[in-house]
Amino acid sequence: MKFAIIGGDLRIAKLATMLAKDENKVYTFGLEKSENLKNTKNIIECNSVKDAIQDVETVIGPIPFSSNGKTINMPFSEKEIIISDLLNSIKSKLFIAGGIPLDIYELAKNNNIELIDIMKREELAILNTIATAEGTIKVAIENTDTILHGSKVLILGFGRIGKVLAKKLVGLSAKVTCAARKDEDLAWIQAYGYNITNINTISKNLNQFDIIINTVPHIILTAEKLKYVKKDVLIIDLASNPGGVDQNAVKNLNLKFIWALSLPGKIAPTTSAEFIRDTIYNIIQRRE
């Protein structure tokens, strides 16, 4: 097979080498500063987007796609590609990227592009929770002066990440409490044997926790609720923008806060690239 890879971070650079080792032809643009690609068989560095995509049916873009809504993410390049220019160039191909803004779909449709946000694929989302959970534990260890064993940890939200993270923390003998609002999730927390609390009623009970980890993508820890936490608490937010923590309140209260986004790509780029590669193969196989 032939792939074009346009932009992207270390995960995408590693993905390029993995696809090449699988005997695929990989045409790249916007990765010229990545040492991973130098002198690698089956990787062809191109001088333009047009050169990279002209002979391929599948184009792979960055994860996340853009950080400013105007240009695509290309940390391994000094060049810039306007989103609209990229999509106008692709036309009538399969385009796979991650974290794609909603307004991009209409532009893709106008160019007859089959657009797939790989981060919405269930198999990748599940696998990424493993790296996210391990990365969260790494962040917690590095930013506390006590061991996790015996620490009281509150996890806000009991979705994919909350479930995997709770299991791993219990394995390290942390005392884990999980908070949710749906009756089904509260029942699962009880079934797993974790301590349980309802997100809707957390307030003064926040003062018992050494570490608070949020996985919910809307504000849970408001300024009012943050008044109850310990002064030496560590708060880790895993949720995408706007997150689940009032950051102005955190700053005003001088609390230790870390907004830990995109952990799979930061702490395990090779494993993350493997998951992305396998998901791309699944997508292509199901189209044939």
Foldseek 3Di string as FASTA:
>chain_A
DEEEEEAEDLLVLLLQLVCVVVVYQYEYELQVQDPSPPPRHNYHYDDDLLVRQVPDQEYEYYVVQDDPQFWGHRPNDPDTDGLLNNLLNRAQHEYEYANDDPVVVVSNVVRNYNYDHLCPDPLLVLVVLLLVLVLVLVVVVVQDPDAQAAFEEEEEDCDSNNVNNVVVSVVSNHQYEYEEADPVSQVVCVVVPHHYDYLVPQALVQQRGQEYEYADADASAELRRVVNHDQAHEYEWAHDPPTHHDVVSCVVSVYHYYDDYPSCCVPPSNVSSVSVSVSVVVVVVVVD
